[in-house]
Amino acid sequence: MHRKEFKTSLLMLVTAIAAVLILGAIIFSFLEGWSVVDAFYFVTMTATTVGYGDFVPTHEWSKAVTVIYSLSIVPFVLYAFTIVAKFQTERIYRKITGLERKQHEQEEELEKAEKKMATQRRRLKEQEGELEKQESRIKKQIRLNREQEKEIMEHEKELKGHQRKISEQKKLNEEQAEELKEHDKELEVVEDIVEKKLVKSKK
């Protein structure tokens, strides 16, 4: 039952009950000679099935009207309470259903979140494995680079040794060349002397 329907039905029932209460108060005030307030009190107690017994119909017509009135007004009141109870029950049921639906949606969201978390954890593990592999590769590369640096340093030392030997050999060659030049000069001098002697001997 929607809120509009509930309000409309309840308003109609309250109006009908109020009209019946007022009409009953007027009738019993006329038949029993009660005041309007006392008559309204009596019909209200009758409608709510309380019946304290402080006001009791004495005339036959009043008793007959009381029977008819009770059979007519009590179902109206009970029906009004039934409508209110039904509306409240439906409202509570809708709330419970909505809560259950929200709970179900939250559970589905939690399951999705857990799946995402599991996927992310798996990806993180894979990334950690890849990082470990990359670290091992980098360590190997660093070790190789160090070995290559050592080899390069050794080669540089060898090259420096060779360069030193070459420079020493150049010096030796230069010295030998100078010695050869001096020998050549000496040979020239000797040759000049020999030629001069040969010339003298011929004369």
N, C-alpha and C. Protein backbone atom coordinates (compact mmCIF):
# COMPACT_ATOMS: atom_id res chain seq x y z
N MET A 1 0.86 -1.19 0.00
CA MET A 1 0.00 0.00 0.00
C MET A 1 0.89 1.24 0.00
N HIS A 2 0.64 2.16 -0.94
CA HIS A 2 1.41 3.38 -1.03
C HIS A 2 0.95 4.38 0.02
N ARG A 3 1.80 5.39 0.26
CA ARG A 3 1.49 6.37 1.30
C ARG A 3 0.21 7.14 0.96
N LYS A 4 0.02 7.47 -0.34
CA LYS A 4 -1.19 8.22 -0.73
C LYS A 4 -2.44 7.40 -0.48
N GLU A 5 -2.40 6.14 -0.90
CA GLU A 5 -3.56 5.26 -0.68
C GLU A 5 -3.84 5.10 0.80
N PHE A 6 -2.78 4.94 1.60
CA PHE A 6 -2.96 4.79 3.04
C PHE A 6 -3.61 6.03 3.63
N LYS A 7 -3.11 7.20 3.26
CA LYS A 7 -3.68 8.44 3.81
C LYS A 7 -5.14 8.62 3.40
N THR A 8 -5.42 8.31 2.12
CA THR A 8 -6.80 8.45 1.65
C THR A 8 -7.74 7.49 2.39
N SER A 9 -7.36 6.21 2.48
CA SER A 9 -8.20 5.22 3.17
C SER A 9 -8.37 5.57 4.63
N LEU A 10 -7.28 5.98 5.29
CA LEU A 10 -7.36 6.31 6.70
C LEU A 10 -8.22 7.54 6.93
N LEU A 11 -8.08 8.54 6.05
CA LEU A 11 -8.90 9.75 6.18
C LEU A 11 -10.39 9.43 6.01
N MET A 12 -10.69 8.58 5.04
CA MET A 12 -12.10 8.20 4.84
C MET A 12 -12.63 7.43 6.04
N LEU A 13 -11.85 6.51 6.58
CA LEU A 13 -12.28 5.74 7.74
C LEU A 13 -12.44 6.62 8.98
N VAL A 14 -11.48 7.52 9.20
CA VAL A 14 -11.59 8.42 10.35
C VAL A 14 -12.80 9.32 10.22
N THR A 15 -13.04 9.80 9.00
CA THR A 15 -14.23 10.64 8.78
C THR A 15 -15.51 9.85 9.05
N ALA A 16 -15.53 8.61 8.53
CA ALA A 16 -16.73 7.78 8.75
C ALA A 16 -16.92 7.46 10.22
N ILE A 17 -15.82 7.10 10.92
CA ILE A 17 -15.92 6.78 12.34
C ILE A 17 -16.36 8.01 13.14
N ALA A 18 -15.77 9.21 12.79
CA ALA A 18 -16.15 10.44 13.50
C ALA A 18 -17.63 10.74 13.28
N ALA A 19 -18.08 10.54 12.03
CA ALA A 19 -19.50 10.79 11.74
C ALA A 19 -20.41 9.84 12.52
N VAL A 20 -20.01 8.56 12.57
CA VAL A 20 -20.82 7.58 13.31
C VAL A 20 -20.80 7.88 14.80
N LEU A 21 -19.62 8.30 15.34
CA LEU A 21 -19.54 8.65 16.76
C LEU A 21 -20.43 9.84 17.09
N ILE A 22 -20.36 10.86 16.24
CA ILE A 22 -21.19 12.06 16.48
C ILE A 22 -22.67 11.72 16.38
N LEU A 23 -23.01 10.93 15.34
CA LEU A 23 -24.42 10.54 15.18
C LEU A 23 -24.90 9.70 16.36
N GLY A 24 -24.03 8.75 16.82
CA GLY A 24 -24.39 7.94 17.98
C GLY A 24 -24.53 8.76 19.23
N ALA A 25 -23.63 9.76 19.41
CA ALA A 25 -23.73 10.63 20.59
C ALA A 25 -25.05 11.39 20.58
N ILE A 26 -25.45 11.88 19.41
CA ILE A 26 -26.72 12.62 19.31
C ILE A 26 -27.90 11.70 19.61
N ILE A 27 -27.84 10.46 19.05
CA ILE A 27 -28.97 9.53 19.25
C ILE A 27 -29.09 9.14 20.72
N PHE A 28 -27.96 8.76 21.37
CA PHE A 28 -28.04 8.34 22.78
C PHE A 28 -28.33 9.51 23.71
N SER A 29 -27.87 10.70 23.35
CA SER A 29 -28.23 11.88 24.15
C SER A 29 -29.73 12.11 24.10
N PHE A 30 -30.33 11.87 22.94
CA PHE A 30 -31.78 12.06 22.80
C PHE A 30 -32.56 10.94 23.49
N LEU A 31 -32.11 9.65 23.31
CA LEU A 31 -32.87 8.52 23.87
C LEU A 31 -32.71 8.40 25.38
N GLU A 32 -31.46 8.61 25.92
CA GLU A 32 -31.22 8.41 27.34
C GLU A 32 -31.26 9.70 28.15
N GLY A 33 -31.25 10.83 27.47
CA GLY A 33 -31.27 12.11 28.17
C GLY A 33 -29.91 12.48 28.74
N TRP A 34 -28.86 11.87 28.18
CA TRP A 34 -27.51 12.22 28.63
C TRP A 34 -27.04 13.51 27.97
N SER A 35 -26.00 14.06 28.58
CA SER A 35 -25.39 15.21 27.91
C SER A 35 -24.63 14.71 26.68
N VAL A 36 -24.34 15.64 25.80
CA VAL A 36 -23.64 15.26 24.57
C VAL A 36 -22.27 14.67 24.90
N VAL A 37 -21.60 15.23 25.91
CA VAL A 37 -20.28 14.73 26.29
C VAL A 37 -20.38 13.31 26.82
N ASP A 38 -21.38 13.05 27.71
CA ASP A 38 -21.56 11.71 28.26
C ASP A 38 -21.94 10.71 27.16
N ALA A 39 -22.80 11.14 26.26
CA ALA A 39 -23.20 10.27 25.16
C ALA A 39 -22.02 9.95 24.25
N PHE A 40 -21.18 10.98 23.97
CA PHE A 40 -20.00 10.74 23.14
C PHE A 40 -19.02 9.81 23.85
N TYR A 41 -18.89 9.99 25.17
CA TYR A 41 -18.03 9.10 25.95
C TYR A 41 -18.52 7.66 25.86
N PHE A 42 -19.83 7.46 25.96
CA PHE A 42 -20.41 6.12 25.91
C PHE A 42 -20.17 5.45 24.55
N VAL A 43 -20.45 6.21 23.47
CA VAL A 43 -20.29 5.61 22.14
C VAL A 43 -18.80 5.34 21.84
N THR A 44 -17.91 6.21 22.39
CA THR A 44 -16.47 5.97 22.19
C THR A 44 -16.01 4.71 22.90
N MET A 45 -16.46 4.53 24.16
CA MET A 45 -16.11 3.32 24.90
C MET A 45 -16.68 2.07 24.23
N THR A 46 -17.88 2.22 23.66
CA THR A 46 -18.49 1.09 22.94
C THR A 46 -17.71 0.77 21.67
N ALA A 47 -17.28 1.82 20.95
CA ALA A 47 -16.57 1.61 19.69
C ALA A 47 -15.21 0.96 19.93
N THR A 48 -14.56 1.32 21.07
CA THR A 48 -13.25 0.75 21.37
C THR A 48 -13.34 -0.55 22.15
N THR A 49 -14.57 -1.03 22.40
CA THR A 49 -14.84 -2.29 23.12
C THR A 49 -14.28 -2.27 24.53
N VAL A 50 -14.14 -1.07 25.13
CA VAL A 50 -13.67 -0.97 26.52
C VAL A 50 -14.83 -1.25 27.48
N GLY A 51 -15.87 -0.41 27.41
CA GLY A 51 -17.08 -0.64 28.20
C GLY A 51 -16.85 -0.68 29.70
N TYR A 52 -16.64 0.51 30.31
CA TYR A 52 -16.43 0.56 31.76
C TYR A 52 -17.71 0.24 32.55
N GLY A 53 -18.86 0.46 31.95
CA GLY A 53 -20.13 0.16 32.64
C GLY A 53 -20.68 1.30 33.47
N ASP A 54 -20.02 2.48 33.40
CA ASP A 54 -20.54 3.61 34.18
C ASP A 54 -21.75 4.23 33.51
N PHE A 55 -21.89 4.04 32.17
CA PHE A 55 -23.10 4.46 31.46
C PHE A 55 -23.69 3.23 30.78
N VAL A 56 -24.95 2.96 31.10
CA VAL A 56 -25.62 1.77 30.56
C VAL A 56 -26.97 2.19 29.99
N PRO A 57 -27.26 1.74 28.75
CA PRO A 57 -28.59 2.08 28.20
C PRO A 57 -29.72 1.41 29.00
N THR A 58 -30.80 2.15 29.23
CA THR A 58 -31.92 1.64 30.05
C THR A 58 -33.17 1.39 29.23
N HIS A 59 -33.36 2.15 28.17
CA HIS A 59 -34.54 1.99 27.35
C HIS A 59 -34.33 0.87 26.32
N GLU A 60 -35.45 0.28 25.91
CA GLU A 60 -35.39 -0.81 24.93
C GLU A 60 -34.83 -0.32 23.61
N TRP A 61 -35.29 0.87 23.19
CA TRP A 61 -34.78 1.43 21.94
C TRP A 61 -33.26 1.70 22.02
N SER A 62 -32.85 2.16 23.20
CA SER A 62 -31.41 2.44 23.39
C SER A 62 -30.60 1.16 23.29
N LYS A 63 -31.14 0.07 23.91
CA LYS A 63 -30.44 -1.20 23.86
C LYS A 63 -30.34 -1.72 22.42
N ALA A 64 -31.48 -1.60 21.70
CA ALA A 64 -31.48 -2.06 20.30
C ALA A 64 -30.50 -1.24 19.47
N VAL A 65 -30.48 0.08 19.69
CA VAL A 65 -29.54 0.94 18.96
C VAL A 65 -28.11 0.60 19.35
N THR A 66 -27.88 0.27 20.65
CA THR A 66 -26.54 -0.09 21.10
C THR A 66 -26.03 -1.34 20.38
N VAL A 67 -26.92 -2.35 20.23
CA VAL A 67 -26.53 -3.57 19.51
C VAL A 67 -26.16 -3.25 18.06
N ILE A 68 -27.04 -2.49 17.40
CA ILE A 68 -26.79 -2.15 16.00
C ILE A 68 -25.53 -1.28 15.88
N TYR A 69 -25.39 -0.34 16.83
CA TYR A 69 -24.25 0.57 16.80
C TYR A 69 -22.94 -0.20 17.00
N SER A 70 -22.96 -1.12 18.00
CA SER A 70 -21.74 -1.89 18.27
C SER A 70 -21.32 -2.72 17.06
N LEU A 71 -22.33 -3.36 16.41
CA LEU A 71 -22.04 -4.20 15.25
C LEU A 71 -21.58 -3.39 14.05
N SER A 72 -21.90 -2.09 14.03
CA SER A 72 -21.51 -1.27 12.88
C SER A 72 -20.21 -0.51 13.12
N ILE A 73 -20.02 0.04 14.36
CA ILE A 73 -18.87 0.90 14.59
C ILE A 73 -17.61 0.09 14.88
N VAL A 74 -17.75 -1.05 15.61
CA VAL A 74 -16.55 -1.82 15.98
C VAL A 74 -15.79 -2.32 14.76
N PRO A 75 -16.45 -2.88 13.73
CA PRO A 75 -15.70 -3.30 12.54
C PRO A 75 -14.95 -2.14 11.86
N PHE A 76 -15.58 -0.94 11.85
CA PHE A 76 -14.90 0.21 11.28
C PHE A 76 -13.59 0.50 12.02
N VAL A 77 -13.69 0.53 13.37
CA VAL A 77 -12.49 0.83 14.18
C VAL A 77 -11.42 -0.24 13.98
N LEU A 78 -11.88 -1.52 14.02
CA LEU A 78 -10.92 -2.61 13.82
C LEU A 78 -10.29 -2.55 12.44
N TYR A 79 -11.11 -2.19 11.43
CA TYR A 79 -10.57 -2.08 10.08
C TYR A 79 -9.55 -0.95 9.99
N ALA A 80 -9.84 0.17 10.72
CA ALA A 80 -8.89 1.29 10.72
C ALA A 80 -7.57 0.86 11.34
N PHE A 81 -7.64 0.13 12.49
CA PHE A 81 -6.42 -0.37 13.10
C PHE A 81 -5.70 -1.36 12.19
N THR A 82 -6.49 -2.17 11.46
CA THR A 82 -5.90 -3.14 10.53
C THR A 82 -5.15 -2.45 9.41
N ILE A 83 -5.74 -1.36 8.87
CA ILE A 83 -5.07 -0.62 7.80
C ILE A 83 -3.75 -0.03 8.30
N VAL A 84 -3.81 0.57 9.51
CA VAL A 84 -2.58 1.15 10.07
C VAL A 84 -1.52 0.07 10.27
N ALA A 85 -1.97 -1.08 10.86
CA ALA A 85 -1.02 -2.17 11.09
C ALA A 85 -0.46 -2.71 9.78
N LYS A 86 -1.33 -2.84 8.76
CA LYS A 86 -0.88 -3.33 7.46
C LYS A 86 0.13 -2.38 6.84
N PHE A 87 -0.15 -1.06 6.92
CA PHE A 87 0.77 -0.08 6.36
C PHE A 87 2.12 -0.15 7.06
N GLN A 88 2.08 -0.20 8.39
CA GLN A 88 3.32 -0.28 9.15
C GLN A 88 4.09 -1.56 8.83
N THR A 89 3.33 -2.68 8.72
CA THR A 89 3.98 -3.96 8.41
C THR A 89 4.63 -3.91 7.03
N GLU A 90 3.88 -3.36 6.04
CA GLU A 90 4.45 -3.24 4.70
C GLU A 90 5.66 -2.31 4.68
N ARG A 91 5.58 -1.23 5.46
CA ARG A 91 6.71 -0.29 5.51
C ARG A 91 7.93 -0.97 6.12
N ILE A 92 7.71 -1.70 7.21
CA ILE A 92 8.83 -2.42 7.84
C ILE A 92 9.37 -3.49 6.88
N TYR A 93 8.42 -4.19 6.18
CA TYR A 93 8.85 -5.22 5.24
C TYR A 93 9.68 -4.61 4.10
N ARG A 94 9.22 -3.43 3.62
CA ARG A 94 10.00 -2.76 2.56
C ARG A 94 11.37 -2.37 3.06
N LYS A 95 11.42 -1.88 4.31
CA LYS A 95 12.72 -1.52 4.87
C LYS A 95 13.62 -2.73 4.99
N ILE A 96 13.02 -3.84 5.50
CA ILE A 96 13.82 -5.06 5.65
C ILE A 96 14.28 -5.56 4.28
N THR A 97 13.33 -5.54 3.30
CA THR A 97 13.69 -5.98 1.95
C THR A 97 14.78 -5.09 1.35
N GLY A 98 14.61 -3.76 1.58
CA GLY A 98 15.64 -2.84 1.09
C GLY A 98 16.98 -3.08 1.74
N LEU A 99 16.93 -3.34 3.07
CA LEU A 99 18.19 -3.63 3.77
C LEU A 99 18.82 -4.91 3.25
N GLU A 100 17.96 -5.94 3.04
CA GLU A 100 18.49 -7.20 2.50
C GLU A 100 19.09 -6.99 1.12
N ARG A 101 18.39 -6.18 0.29
CA ARG A 101 18.92 -5.92 -1.05
C ARG A 101 20.24 -5.16 -0.97
N LYS A 102 20.27 -4.15 -0.08
CA LYS A 102 21.52 -3.41 0.10
C LYS A 102 22.63 -4.32 0.62
N GLN A 103 22.25 -5.20 1.57
CA GLN A 103 23.24 -6.14 2.10
C GLN A 103 23.76 -7.06 1.00
N HIS A 104 22.81 -7.53 0.16
CA HIS A 104 23.22 -8.41 -0.95
C HIS A 104 24.13 -7.65 -1.91
N GLU A 105 23.76 -6.39 -2.22
CA GLU A 105 24.60 -5.59 -3.11
C GLU A 105 25.98 -5.36 -2.48
N GLN A 106 25.98 -5.07 -1.17
CA GLN A 106 27.26 -4.87 -0.49
C GLN A 106 28.10 -6.15 -0.51
N GLU A 107 27.43 -7.30 -0.30
CA GLU A 107 28.16 -8.57 -0.37
C GLU A 107 28.75 -8.79 -1.76
N GLU A 108 27.95 -8.48 -2.81
CA GLU A 108 28.46 -8.61 -4.17
C GLU A 108 29.64 -7.67 -4.39
N GLU A 109 29.51 -6.41 -3.88
CA GLU A 109 30.61 -5.47 -4.02
C GLU A 109 31.86 -5.96 -3.29
N LEU A 110 31.62 -6.55 -2.08
CA LEU A 110 32.75 -7.09 -1.33
C LEU A 110 33.41 -8.24 -2.09
N GLU A 111 32.58 -9.11 -2.69
CA GLU A 111 33.15 -10.21 -3.48
C GLU A 111 33.96 -9.67 -4.65
N LYS A 112 33.40 -8.64 -5.33
CA LYS A 112 34.14 -8.04 -6.44
C LYS A 112 35.45 -7.42 -5.95
N ALA A 113 35.34 -6.72 -4.79
CA ALA A 113 36.55 -6.11 -4.24
C ALA A 113 37.59 -7.17 -3.87
N GLU A 114 37.11 -8.29 -3.29
CA GLU A 114 38.03 -9.38 -2.94
C GLU A 114 38.67 -9.97 -4.19
N LYS A 115 37.87 -10.13 -5.25
CA LYS A 115 38.43 -10.64 -6.50
C LYS A 115 39.48 -9.68 -7.05
N LYS A 116 39.15 -8.38 -7.01
CA LYS A 116 40.12 -7.39 -7.48
C LYS A 116 41.40 -7.44 -6.64
N MET A 117 41.21 -7.57 -5.31
CA MET A 117 42.37 -7.64 -4.43
C MET A 117 43.21 -8.87 -4.75
N ALA A 118 42.52 -10.01 -4.97
CA ALA A 118 43.26 -11.24 -5.31
C ALA A 118 44.03 -11.06 -6.63
N THR A 119 43.34 -10.42 -7.62
CA THR A 119 44.01 -10.17 -8.90
C THR A 119 45.21 -9.25 -8.72
N GLN A 120 45.02 -8.19 -7.92
CA GLN A 120 46.12 -7.26 -7.68
C GLN A 120 47.28 -7.94 -6.94
N ARG A 121 46.91 -8.81 -5.98
CA ARG A 121 47.98 -9.53 -5.26
C ARG A 121 48.76 -10.42 -6.22
N ARG A 122 48.01 -11.12 -7.11
CA ARG A 122 48.68 -11.98 -8.07
C ARG A 122 49.59 -11.16 -8.98
N ARG A 123 49.09 -10.02 -9.43
CA ARG A 123 49.91 -9.16 -10.27
C ARG A 123 51.13 -8.65 -9.51
N LEU A 124 50.93 -8.29 -8.22
CA LEU A 124 52.06 -7.84 -7.43
C LEU A 124 53.11 -8.93 -7.28
N LYS A 125 52.63 -10.17 -7.05
CA LYS A 125 53.58 -11.28 -6.96
C LYS A 125 54.35 -11.45 -8.27
N GLU A 126 53.61 -11.38 -9.39
CA GLU A 126 54.27 -11.50 -10.69
C GLU A 126 55.29 -10.37 -10.88
N GLN A 127 54.88 -9.15 -10.52
CA GLN A 127 55.80 -8.01 -10.65
C GLN A 127 57.01 -8.18 -9.74
N GLU A 128 56.76 -8.71 -8.50
CA GLU A 128 57.89 -8.95 -7.61
C GLU A 128 58.84 -9.99 -8.20
N GLY A 129 58.25 -11.06 -8.81
CA GLY A 129 59.10 -12.05 -9.47
C GLY A 129 59.90 -11.45 -10.60
N GLU A 130 59.24 -10.60 -11.41
CA GLU A 130 59.96 -9.94 -12.50
C GLU A 130 61.05 -9.01 -11.97
N LEU A 131 60.73 -8.29 -10.88
CA LEU A 131 61.73 -7.41 -10.29
C LEU A 131 62.94 -8.19 -9.77
N GLU A 132 62.63 -9.35 -9.14
CA GLU A 132 63.74 -10.18 -8.66
C GLU A 132 64.61 -10.66 -9.82
N LYS A 133 63.94 -11.08 -10.92
CA LYS A 133 64.71 -11.50 -12.10
C LYS A 133 65.55 -10.34 -12.63
N GLN A 134 64.93 -9.15 -12.71
CA GLN A 134 65.67 -8.00 -13.21
C GLN A 134 66.85 -7.65 -12.29
N GLU A 135 66.61 -7.76 -10.96
CA GLU A 135 67.69 -7.50 -10.02
C GLU A 135 68.85 -8.48 -10.21
N SER A 136 68.48 -9.77 -10.38
CA SER A 136 69.54 -10.77 -10.61
C SER A 136 70.29 -10.48 -11.91
N ARG A 137 69.52 -10.07 -12.96
CA ARG A 137 70.18 -9.72 -14.22
C ARG A 137 71.10 -8.51 -14.04
N ILE A 138 70.60 -7.52 -13.31
CA ILE A 138 71.42 -6.31 -13.10
C ILE A 138 72.68 -6.66 -12.32
N LYS A 139 72.52 -7.53 -11.28
CA LYS A 139 73.69 -7.94 -10.50
C LYS A 139 74.71 -8.66 -11.39
N LYS A 140 74.19 -9.57 -12.24
CA LYS A 140 75.09 -10.27 -13.17
C LYS A 140 75.78 -9.28 -14.08
N GLN A 141 74.99 -8.32 -14.61
CA GLN A 141 75.57 -7.32 -15.51
C GLN A 141 76.62 -6.48 -14.80
N ILE A 142 76.32 -6.12 -13.53
CA ILE A 142 77.29 -5.34 -12.77
C ILE A 142 78.58 -6.14 -12.56
N ARG A 143 78.42 -7.43 -12.24
CA ARG A 143 79.58 -8.27 -12.05
C ARG A 143 80.41 -8.38 -13.35
N LEU A 144 79.67 -8.57 -14.46
CA LEU A 144 80.36 -8.63 -15.75
C LEU A 144 81.06 -7.32 -16.07
N ASN A 145 80.39 -6.20 -15.76
CA ASN A 145 81.01 -4.90 -16.01
C ASN A 145 82.28 -4.73 -15.19
N ARG A 146 82.22 -5.18 -13.93
CA ARG A 146 83.40 -5.07 -13.09
C ARG A 146 84.54 -5.92 -13.66
N GLU A 147 84.18 -7.15 -14.08
CA GLU A 147 85.22 -8.01 -14.67
C GLU A 147 85.80 -7.37 -15.92
N GLN A 148 84.89 -6.80 -16.75
CA GLN A 148 85.37 -6.13 -17.95
C GLN A 148 86.25 -4.92 -17.61
N GLU A 149 85.86 -4.18 -16.56
CA GLU A 149 86.69 -3.05 -16.13
C GLU A 149 88.07 -3.52 -15.70
N LYS A 150 88.08 -4.64 -14.95
CA LYS A 150 89.38 -5.20 -14.54
C LYS A 150 90.22 -5.57 -15.76
N GLU A 151 89.57 -6.26 -16.72
CA GLU A 151 90.29 -6.64 -17.94
C GLU A 151 90.79 -5.41 -18.68
N ILE A 152 89.93 -4.39 -18.76
CA ILE A 152 90.35 -3.17 -19.46
C ILE A 152 91.54 -2.52 -18.75
N MET A 153 91.47 -2.50 -17.41
CA MET A 153 92.59 -1.92 -16.66
C MET A 153 93.88 -2.72 -16.90
N GLU A 154 93.73 -4.06 -16.92
CA GLU A 154 94.92 -4.89 -17.19
C GLU A 154 95.46 -4.61 -18.59
N HIS A 155 94.51 -4.50 -19.57
CA HIS A 155 94.95 -4.18 -20.93
C HIS A 155 95.63 -2.81 -20.99
N GLU A 156 95.08 -1.86 -20.25
CA GLU A 156 95.70 -0.54 -20.22
C GLU A 156 97.12 -0.61 -19.64
N LYS A 157 97.25 -1.41 -18.55
CA LYS A 157 98.58 -1.59 -17.99
C LYS A 157 99.54 -2.20 -19.01
N GLU A 158 99.03 -3.25 -19.70
CA GLU A 158 99.86 -3.89 -20.73
C GLU A 158 100.23 -2.90 -21.83
N LEU A 159 99.24 -2.09 -22.24
CA LEU A 159 99.51 -1.09 -23.28
C LEU A 159 100.55 -0.08 -22.82
N LYS A 160 100.43 0.33 -21.56
CA LYS A 160 101.42 1.28 -21.04
C LYS A 160 102.81 0.64 -21.03
N GLY A 161 102.83 -0.67 -20.63
CA GLY A 161 104.12 -1.37 -20.66
C GLY A 161 104.69 -1.44 -22.06
N HIS A 162 103.81 -1.78 -23.03
CA HIS A 162 104.25 -1.82 -24.42
C HIS A 162 104.71 -0.45 -24.89
N GLN A 163 103.96 0.58 -24.53
CA GLN A 163 104.35 1.94 -24.94
C GLN A 163 105.70 2.32 -24.35
N ARG A 164 105.90 1.95 -23.08
CA ARG A 164 107.19 2.24 -22.45
C ARG A 164 108.33 1.50 -23.17
N LYS A 165 108.08 0.22 -23.48
CA LYS A 165 109.09 -0.57 -24.19
C LYS A 165 109.38 0.03 -25.56
N ILE A 166 108.28 0.45 -26.26
CA ILE A 166 108.45 1.04 -27.59
C ILE A 166 109.27 2.33 -27.50
N SER A 167 108.94 3.15 -26.47
CA SER A 167 109.69 4.41 -26.32
C SER A 167 111.16 4.11 -26.02
N GLU A 168 111.40 3.09 -25.16
CA GLU A 168 112.78 2.71 -24.87
C GLU A 168 113.48 2.21 -26.13
N GLN A 169 112.73 1.39 -26.92
CA GLN A 169 113.31 0.88 -28.16
C GLN A 169 113.63 2.02 -29.13
N LYS A 170 112.77 3.04 -29.15
CA LYS A 170 113.02 4.20 -30.01
C LYS A 170 114.29 4.90 -29.59
N LYS A 171 114.44 5.05 -28.27
CA LYS A 171 115.65 5.70 -27.78
C LYS A 171 116.90 4.91 -28.20
N LEU A 172 116.79 3.55 -28.03
CA LEU A 172 117.91 2.71 -28.43
C LEU A 172 118.20 2.84 -29.92
N ASN A 173 117.14 2.85 -30.70
CA ASN A 173 117.30 2.98 -32.15
C ASN A 173 117.96 4.31 -32.51
N GLU A 174 117.50 5.37 -31.80
CA GLU A 174 118.08 6.69 -32.07
C GLU A 174 119.57 6.69 -31.72
N GLU A 175 119.87 6.08 -30.55
CA GLU A 175 121.28 6.03 -30.14
C GLU A 175 122.11 5.24 -31.15
N GLN A 176 121.51 4.08 -31.57
CA GLN A 176 122.24 3.28 -32.57
C GLN A 176 122.41 4.04 -33.88
N ALA A 177 121.35 4.78 -34.24
CA ALA A 177 121.46 5.57 -35.48
C ALA A 177 122.57 6.61 -35.37
N GLU A 178 122.68 7.25 -34.19
CA GLU A 178 123.74 8.24 -34.00
C GLU A 178 125.12 7.56 -34.04
N GLU A 179 125.17 6.38 -33.40
CA GLU A 179 126.44 5.65 -33.44
C GLU A 179 126.82 5.29 -34.87
N LEU A 180 125.79 4.86 -35.65
CA LEU A 180 126.06 4.52 -37.04
C LEU A 180 126.54 5.76 -37.82
N LYS A 181 125.94 6.90 -37.53
CA LYS A 181 126.35 8.14 -38.20
C LYS A 181 127.82 8.44 -37.87
N GLU A 182 128.14 8.28 -36.57
CA GLU A 182 129.52 8.54 -36.18
C GLU A 182 130.49 7.56 -36.87
N HIS A 183 130.07 6.25 -36.92
CA HIS A 183 130.89 5.27 -37.61
C HIS A 183 131.06 5.64 -39.09
N ASP A 184 129.92 6.08 -39.67
CA ASP A 184 130.00 6.50 -41.08
C ASP A 184 130.99 7.65 -41.26
N LYS A 185 130.93 8.61 -40.31
CA LYS A 185 131.85 9.74 -40.38
C LYS A 185 133.30 9.25 -40.27
N GLU A 186 133.47 8.33 -39.28
CA GLU A 186 134.81 7.79 -39.10
C GLU A 186 135.30 7.04 -40.35
N LEU A 187 134.37 6.26 -40.96
CA LEU A 187 134.72 5.53 -42.18
C LEU A 187 135.09 6.51 -43.30
N GLU A 188 134.32 7.61 -43.38
CA GLU A 188 134.62 8.59 -44.41
C GLU A 188 136.03 9.17 -44.20
N VAL A 189 136.29 9.44 -42.91
CA VAL A 189 137.62 10.01 -42.62
C VAL A 189 138.71 9.01 -43.00
N VAL A 190 138.46 7.74 -42.63
CA VAL A 190 139.44 6.69 -42.94
C VAL A 190 139.61 6.56 -44.45
N GLU A 191 138.44 6.59 -45.14
CA GLU A 191 138.49 6.47 -46.60
C GLU A 191 139.28 7.63 -47.23
N ASP A 192 139.08 8.84 -46.67
CA ASP A 192 139.81 10.00 -47.18
C ASP A 192 141.33 9.81 -46.99
N ILE A 193 141.61 9.32 -45.79
CA ILE A 193 143.03 9.12 -45.48
C ILE A 193 143.63 8.06 -46.42
N VAL A 194 142.91 6.99 -46.62
CA VAL A 194 143.39 5.90 -47.48
C VAL A 194 143.56 6.41 -48.89
N GLU A 195 142.61 7.20 -49.38
CA GLU A 195 142.68 7.74 -50.75
C GLU A 195 143.91 8.65 -50.91
N LYS A 196 144.10 9.48 -49.86
CA LYS A 196 145.24 10.38 -49.93
C LYS A 196 146.56 9.60 -49.97
N LYS A 197 146.63 8.56 -49.17
CA LYS A 197 147.84 7.74 -49.15
C LYS A 197 148.06 7.05 -50.49
N LEU A 198 146.91 6.55 -51.07
CA LEU A 198 147.02 5.87 -52.38
C LEU A 198 147.50 6.86 -53.43
N VAL A 199 147.01 8.05 -53.35
CA VAL A 199 147.41 9.07 -54.33
C VAL A 199 148.91 9.36 -54.18
N LYS A 200 149.37 9.50 -52.95
CA LYS A 200 150.77 9.77 -52.67
C LYS A 200 151.65 8.64 -53.13
N SER A 201 151.15 7.39 -52.92
CA SER A 201 151.95 6.23 -53.28
C SER A 201 152.07 6.13 -54.81
N LYS A 202 151.09 6.55 -55.52
CA LYS A 202 151.14 6.50 -56.98
C LYS A 202 152.13 7.53 -57.52
N LYS A 203 152.20 8.64 -56.88
CA LYS A 203 153.10 9.66 -57.35
C LYS A 203 154.55 9.20 -57.17
